[in-house]
C-alpha atoms as a PDB file:
ATOM      1  CA  MET A   1      10.459  17.075   8.462  1.00  0.00           C
ATOM      2  CA  LYS A   2       7.318  18.845   9.632  1.00  0.00           C
ATOM      3  CA  TYR A   3       6.007  22.160   8.347  1.00  0.00           C
ATOM      4  CA  PRO A   4       2.977  23.685  10.102  1.00  0.00           C
ATOM      5  CA  ILE A   5       0.387  25.365   7.924  1.00  0.00           C
ATOM      6  CA  ALA A   6      -1.513  28.207   9.567  1.00  0.00           C
ATOM      7  CA  GLY A   7      -4.953  29.424   8.635  1.00  0.00           C
ATOM      8  CA  VAL A   8      -6.247  26.478   6.584  1.00  0.00           C
ATOM      9  CA  ALA A   9      -9.393  26.446   8.722  1.00  0.00           C
ATOM     10  CA  GLN A  10     -10.173  27.602  12.226  1.00  0.00           C
ATOM     11  CA  GLY A  11      -9.957  24.868  14.864  1.00  0.00           C
ATOM     12  CA  LEU A  12      -7.504  22.690  12.962  1.00  0.00           C
ATOM     13  CA  GLN A  13      -4.008  21.617  13.767  1.00  0.00           C
ATOM     14  CA  VAL A  14      -2.268  20.756  10.520  1.00  0.00           C
ATOM     15  CA  THR A  15       1.238  19.456   9.995  1.00  0.00           C
ATOM     16  CA  VAL A  16       2.698  18.697   6.590  1.00  0.00           C
ATOM     17  CA  TYR A  17       5.735  16.451   6.463  1.00  0.00           C
ATOM     18  CA  PHE A  18       7.688  14.302   4.067  1.00  0.00           C
ATOM     19  CA  CYS A  19       7.116  10.675   5.061  1.00  0.00           C
ATOM     20  CA  LEU A  20       9.224   9.431   2.154  1.00  0.00           C
ATOM     21  CA  PRO A  21      11.577  11.515   0.017  1.00  0.00           C
ATOM     22  CA  TRP A  22       9.039  11.727  -2.829  1.00  0.00           C
ATOM     23  CA  LEU A  23       5.762  11.637  -0.896  1.00  0.00           C
ATOM     24  CA  LEU A  24       4.187  14.606   0.849  1.00  0.00           C
ATOM     25  CA  CYS A  25       1.929  13.557   3.740  1.00  0.00           C
ATOM     26  CA  LEU A  26      -0.458  15.472   5.935  1.00  0.00           C
ATOM     27  CA  SER A  27      -1.357  15.076   9.580  1.00  0.00           C
ATOM     28  CA  LEU A  28      -4.477  16.898  10.724  1.00  0.00           C
ATOM     29  CA  SER A  29      -6.540  16.996  13.867  1.00  0.00           C
ATOM     30  CA  VAL A  30      -9.781  18.821  14.498  1.00  0.00           C
ATOM     31  CA  GLY A  31     -10.205  20.558  17.821  1.00  0.00           C
ATOM     32  CA  ASN A  32     -13.409  21.640  19.477  1.00  0.00           C
ATOM     33  CA  LEU A  33     -14.885  24.404  17.385  1.00  0.00           C
ATOM     34  CA  ASP A  34     -16.735  27.326  18.912  1.00  0.00           C
ATOM     35  CA  ALA A  35     -19.917  28.899  17.508  1.00  0.00           C
ATOM     36  CA  GLN A  36     -17.916  31.545  15.655  1.00  0.00           C
ATOM     37  CA  ALA A  37     -15.899  28.837  13.875  1.00  0.00           C
ATOM     38  CA  LEU A  38     -19.068  26.990  12.899  1.00  0.00           C
ATOM     39  CA  ASP A  39     -20.366  30.120  11.146  1.00  0.00           C
ATOM     40  CA  ALA A  40     -17.077  30.810   9.349  1.00  0.00           C
ATOM     41  CA  GLN A  41     -17.002  31.103   5.582  1.00  0.00           C
ATOM     42  CA  PRO A  42     -15.062  28.416   3.715  1.00  0.00           C
ATOM     43  CA  ALA A  43     -11.338  28.972   3.569  1.00  0.00           C
ATOM     44  CA  GLU A  44      -9.850  30.101   0.288  1.00  0.00           C
ATOM     45  CA  VAL A  45      -8.146  27.093  -1.175  1.00  0.00           C
ATOM     46  CA  SER A  46      -5.470  26.947  -3.816  1.00  0.00           C
ATOM     47  CA  THR A  47      -4.454  23.285  -3.966  1.00  0.00           C
ATOM     48  CA  SER A  48      -6.274  19.976  -4.034  1.00  0.00           C
ATOM     49  CA  GLN A  49      -4.772  19.179  -0.612  1.00  0.00           C
ATOM     50  CA  GLU A  50      -6.145  22.395   0.907  1.00  0.00           C
ATOM     51  CA  LEU A  51      -9.536  21.884  -0.749  1.00  0.00           C
ATOM     52  CA  GLY A  52      -9.682  18.317   0.583  1.00  0.00           C
ATOM     53  CA  VAL A  53      -8.859  19.464   4.117  1.00  0.00           C
ATOM     54  CA  ALA A  54     -11.400  22.316   3.989  1.00  0.00           C
ATOM     55  CA  TYR A  55     -14.067  19.954   2.658  1.00  0.00           C
ATOM     56  CA  LEU A  56     -13.480  17.202   5.239  1.00  0.00           C
ATOM     57  CA  ASP A  57     -13.367  19.755   8.018  1.00  0.00           C
ATOM     58  CA  SER A  58     -16.755  21.109   6.937  1.00  0.00           C
ATOM     59  CA  VAL A  59     -18.231  17.585   6.808  1.00  0.00           C
ATOM     60  CA  TYR A  60     -16.870  16.385  10.169  1.00  0.00           C
ATOM     61  CA  SER A  61     -17.655  19.706  11.867  1.00  0.00           C
ATOM     62  CA  PHE A  62     -21.263  19.513  10.589  1.00  0.00           C
ATOM     63  CA  ARG A  63     -20.943  22.824   8.690  1.00  0.00           C
ATOM     64  CA  PHE A  64     -23.022  21.548   5.800  1.00  0.00           C
ATOM     65  CA  GLU A  65     -23.673  24.873   4.069  1.00  0.00           C
ATOM     66  CA  GLU A  66     -19.908  25.176   3.700  1.00  0.00           C
ATOM     67  CA  THR A  67     -19.774  21.565   2.490  1.00  0.00           C
ATOM     68  CA  LYS A  68     -22.341  22.397  -0.192  1.00  0.00           C
ATOM     69  CA  ARG A  69     -20.286  25.387  -1.404  1.00  0.00           C
ATOM     70  CA  LEU A  70     -17.194  23.185  -1.787  1.00  0.00           C
ATOM     71  CA  LEU A  71     -19.032  20.548  -3.855  1.00  0.00           C
ATOM     72  CA  SER A  72     -19.730  20.888  -7.567  1.00  0.00           C
ATOM     73  CA  ALA A  73     -23.460  21.095  -8.317  1.00  0.00           C
ATOM     74  CA  ASP A  74     -23.474  17.598  -9.849  1.00  0.00           C
ATOM     75  CA  ALA A  75     -21.009  15.987  -7.400  1.00  0.00           C
ATOM     76  CA  GLU A  76     -21.318  12.329  -6.520  1.00  0.00           C
ATOM     77  CA  PHE A  77     -20.834  10.600  -3.133  1.00  0.00           C
ATOM     78  CA  ARG A  78     -20.425   6.823  -2.748  1.00  0.00           C
ATOM     79  CA  ASP A  79     -19.626   4.710   0.280  1.00  0.00           C
ATOM     80  CA  GLU A  80     -18.420   1.538  -1.394  1.00  0.00           C
ATOM     81  CA  SER A  81     -18.076  -0.317   1.913  1.00  0.00           C
ATOM     82  CA  ALA A  82     -21.601   0.362   3.203  1.00  0.00           C
ATOM     83  CA  THR A  83     -22.674  -3.093   2.084  1.00  0.00           C
ATOM     84  CA  ALA A  84     -21.357  -4.328   5.456  1.00  0.00           C
ATOM     85  CA  LEU A  85     -24.087  -2.283   7.178  1.00  0.00           C
ATOM     86  CA  GLN A  86     -26.866  -1.892   4.650  1.00  0.00           C
ATOM     87  CA  GLY A  87     -26.346  -4.589   2.053  1.00  0.00           C
ATOM     88  CA  SER A  88     -25.608  -2.123  -0.737  1.00  0.00           C
ATOM     89  CA  VAL A  89     -23.470   0.847  -1.670  1.00  0.00           C
ATOM     90  CA  VAL A  90     -24.752   4.129  -0.215  1.00  0.00           C
ATOM     91  CA  GLY A  91     -24.601   7.153  -2.441  1.00  0.00           C
ATOM     92  CA  ALA A  92     -26.044  10.454  -3.550  1.00  0.00           C
ATOM     93  CA  ARG A  93     -25.733  12.671  -6.623  1.00  0.00           C
ATOM     94  CA  GLY A  94     -25.812  16.464  -6.492  1.00  0.00           C
ATOM     95  CA  ALA A  95     -24.545  18.792  -3.773  1.00  0.00           C
ATOM     96  CA  GLU A  96     -27.954  19.147  -2.129  1.00  0.00           C
ATOM     97  CA  ALA A  97     -28.565  15.381  -1.971  1.00  0.00           C
ATOM     98  CA  ILE A  98     -25.075  14.730  -0.606  1.00  0.00           C
ATOM     99  CA  VAL A  99     -25.504  17.312   2.134  1.00  0.00           C
ATOM    100  CA  GLU A 100     -28.888  15.843   3.100  1.00  0.00           C
ATOM    101  CA  LEU A 101     -27.309  12.378   3.331  1.00  0.00           C
ATOM    102  CA  PHE A 102     -24.534  13.773   5.548  1.00  0.00           C
ATOM    103  CA  ARG A 103     -27.086  15.630   7.751  1.00  0.00           C
ATOM    104  CA  ALA A 104     -29.020  12.392   8.269  1.00  0.00           C
ATOM    105  CA  GLY A 105     -25.845  10.567   9.297  1.00  0.00           C
ATOM    106  CA  ALA A 106     -24.752  13.391  11.596  1.00  0.00           C
ATOM    107  CA  ALA A 107     -28.054  13.162  13.498  1.00  0.00           C
ATOM    108  CA  ALA A 108     -26.783   9.913  15.053  1.00  0.00           C
ATOM    109  CA  LEU A 109     -23.496  11.455  16.222  1.00  0.00           C
ATOM    110  CA  ARG A 110     -22.759  13.336  19.412  1.00  0.00           C
ATOM    111  CA  ARG A 111     -19.260  14.264  18.219  1.00  0.00           C
ATOM    112  CA  ALA A 112     -16.941  13.465  15.325  1.00  0.00           C
ATOM    113  CA  ASP A 113     -13.191  14.008  15.027  1.00  0.00           C
ATOM    114  CA  TYR A 114     -10.694  12.815  12.497  1.00  0.00           C
ATOM    115  CA  THR A 115      -7.011  12.725  11.715  1.00  0.00           C
ATOM    116  CA  ILE A 116      -5.595  12.404   8.229  1.00  0.00           C
ATOM    117  CA  GLU A 117      -2.856   9.839   8.707  1.00  0.00           C
ATOM    118  CA  ARG A 118      -1.615   9.891   5.109  1.00  0.00           C
ATOM    119  CA  SER A 119      -2.529  11.465   1.834  1.00  0.00           C
ATOM    120  CA  PHE A 120      -1.342  11.716  -1.727  1.00  0.00           C
ATOM    121  CA  SER A 121      -2.522  13.383  -4.875  1.00  0.00           C
ATOM    122  CA  ASN A 122      -2.093  12.559  -8.520  1.00  0.00           C
ATOM    123  CA  GLY A 123      -3.471  15.775  -9.917  1.00  0.00           C
ATOM    124  CA  SER A 124      -7.247  15.709  -9.818  1.00  0.00           C
ATOM    125  CA  GLN A 125      -7.489  12.820  -7.325  1.00  0.00           C
ATOM    126  CA  LEU A 126      -6.716  13.188  -3.624  1.00  0.00           C
ATOM    127  CA  VAL A 127      -6.476   9.999  -1.543  1.00  0.00           C
ATOM    128  CA  LEU A 128      -6.736  10.343   2.245  1.00  0.00           C
ATOM    129  CA  VAL A 129      -6.212   7.653   4.891  1.00  0.00           C
ATOM    130  CA  ILE A 130      -8.287   8.764   7.862  1.00  0.00           C
ATOM    131  CA  ASP A 131      -8.480   7.771  11.524  1.00  0.00           C
ATOM    132  CA  TYR A 132     -12.070   8.621  12.492  1.00  0.00           C
ATOM    133  CA  GLU A 133     -13.385   8.942  16.055  1.00  0.00           C
ATOM    134  CA  ALA A 134     -16.976   9.599  17.056  1.00  0.00           C
ATOM    135  CA  GLU A 135     -19.707   8.942  19.566  1.00  0.00           C
ATOM    136  CA  ILE A 136     -22.596   7.240  17.794  1.00  0.00           C
ATOM    137  CA  ASP A 137     -26.143   6.618  19.014  1.00  0.00           C
ATOM    138  CA  ARG A 138     -26.537   2.844  19.327  1.00  0.00           C
ATOM    139  CA  ALA A 139     -30.312   3.140  18.754  1.00  0.00           C
ATOM    140  CA  SER A 140     -29.662   4.639  15.289  1.00  0.00           C
ATOM    141  CA  MET A 141     -28.116   1.292  14.363  1.00  0.00           C
ATOM    142  CA  GLY A 142     -30.713  -0.819  16.177  1.00  0.00           C
ATOM    143  CA  MET A 143     -28.134  -1.912  18.766  1.00  0.00           C
ATOM    144  CA  GLY A 144     -29.394  -0.768  22.142  1.00  0.00           C
ATOM    145  CA  GLN A 145     -29.395   2.490  24.027  1.00  0.00           C
ATOM    146  CA  GLY A 146     -26.795   5.177  24.713  1.00  0.00           C
ATOM    147  CA  TYR A 147     -23.746   6.252  22.781  1.00  0.00           C
ATOM    148  CA  ALA A 148     -20.770   4.139  21.754  1.00  0.00           C
ATOM    149  CA  SER A 149     -17.309   5.619  21.317  1.00  0.00           C
ATOM    150  CA  ILE A 150     -15.840   4.372  18.068  1.00  0.00           C
ATOM    151  CA  ARG A 151     -12.532   4.664  16.280  1.00  0.00           C
ATOM    152  CA  VAL A 152     -12.279   3.354  12.725  1.00  0.00           C
ATOM    153  CA  ALA A 153     -10.006   3.574   9.723  1.00  0.00           C
ATOM    154  CA  ALA A 154     -11.259   4.904   6.409  1.00  0.00           C
ATOM    155  CA  VAL A 155      -9.937   5.780   2.996  1.00  0.00           C
ATOM    156  CA  THR A 156     -11.495   8.731   1.201  1.00  0.00           C
ATOM    157  CA  VAL A 157     -10.894   9.449  -2.475  1.00  0.00           C
ATOM    158  CA  LEU A 158     -11.809  12.936  -3.658  1.00  0.00           C
ATOM    159  CA  VAL A 159     -11.870  13.957  -7.312  1.00  0.00           C
ATOM    160  CA  ILE A 160     -11.402  17.672  -7.837  1.00  0.00           C
ATOM    161  CA  GLU A 161     -12.565  19.511 -10.938  1.00  0.00           C
ATOM    162  CA  ASP A 162     -12.615  23.276 -11.473  1.00  0.00           C
ATOM    163  CA  GLY A 163     -11.734  23.964  -7.830  1.00  0.00           C
ATOM    164  CA  ARG A 164     -14.625  21.925  -6.385  1.00  0.00           C
ATOM    165  CA  ILE A 165     -15.164  18.394  -5.098  1.00  0.00           C
ATOM    166  CA  ALA A 166     -16.679  16.482  -8.033  1.00  0.00           C
ATOM    167  CA  SER A 167     -16.614  13.037  -6.425  1.00  0.00           C
ATOM    168  CA  HIS A 168     -16.225  11.672  -2.880  1.00  0.00           C
ATOM    169  CA  THR A 169     -15.805   7.927  -2.418  1.00  0.00           C
ATOM    170  CA  ASP A 170     -15.384   6.321   1.019  1.00  0.00           C
ATOM    171  CA  PHE A 171     -14.109   2.917   2.103  1.00  0.00           C
ATOM    172  CA  VAL A 172     -14.750   2.448   5.850  1.00  0.00           C
ATOM    173  CA  ASP A 173     -13.807  -0.377   8.236  1.00  0.00           C
ATOM    174  CA  TYR A 174     -17.419  -1.094   9.203  1.00  0.00           C
ATOM    175  CA  ALA A 175     -16.568  -4.485  10.716  1.00  0.00           C
ATOM    176  CA  SER A 176     -14.533  -2.670  13.367  1.00  0.00           C
ATOM    177  CA  LEU A 177     -17.280  -0.078  13.829  1.00  0.00           C
ATOM    178  CA  LEU A 178     -19.897  -2.788  14.422  1.00  0.00           C
ATOM    179  CA  ARG A 179     -17.693  -4.572  16.980  1.00  0.00           C
ATOM    180  CA  GLN A 180     -17.249  -1.305  18.884  1.00  0.00           C
ATOM    181  CA  VAL A 181     -20.950  -0.395  18.845  1.00  0.00           C
ATOM    182  CA  GLN A 182     -21.879  -3.865  20.125  1.00  0.00           C
ATOM    183  CA  ARG A 183     -19.517  -3.618  23.116  1.00  0.00           C
ATOM    184  CA  ASP A 184     -21.040  -2.873  26.484  1.00  0.00           C
END
């Protein structure tokens, strides 16, 4: 069964459905956002699912001031799988530091889109299985010139406290990303 949700955030197509009798899942796709959407204030959120969607939309739409407002002041970000690229876990503590890390990463992207394939929540934790698509500058990875179109799987775990994102942990299929960037 599918139930559309309207008004979560401008430029999104969201469908909520029951993938198993006891498990609520979410399918989301981000469309091209216009300048007015990029300047929009963060959506009012009432559930961890809505907060997670609003937060990810702000990150992948490069609306980092909105991202900062959705993070707790002492939030933590960790990419546990970054060792495949950089030899260690990548992370930041504090909303400002997290946003600066995201801005630096976004500088290498021409576009970024995502779809939440599955999600579940156990109260304060929201787990999202994401299909991520982007165009990434090969030079930013030391792998030639031009942009590579990539599509990778990721799992994001968000911890929500007092209506804000307190922790964001990513697990990304970087082996697949590297293969795609190295293609001609």
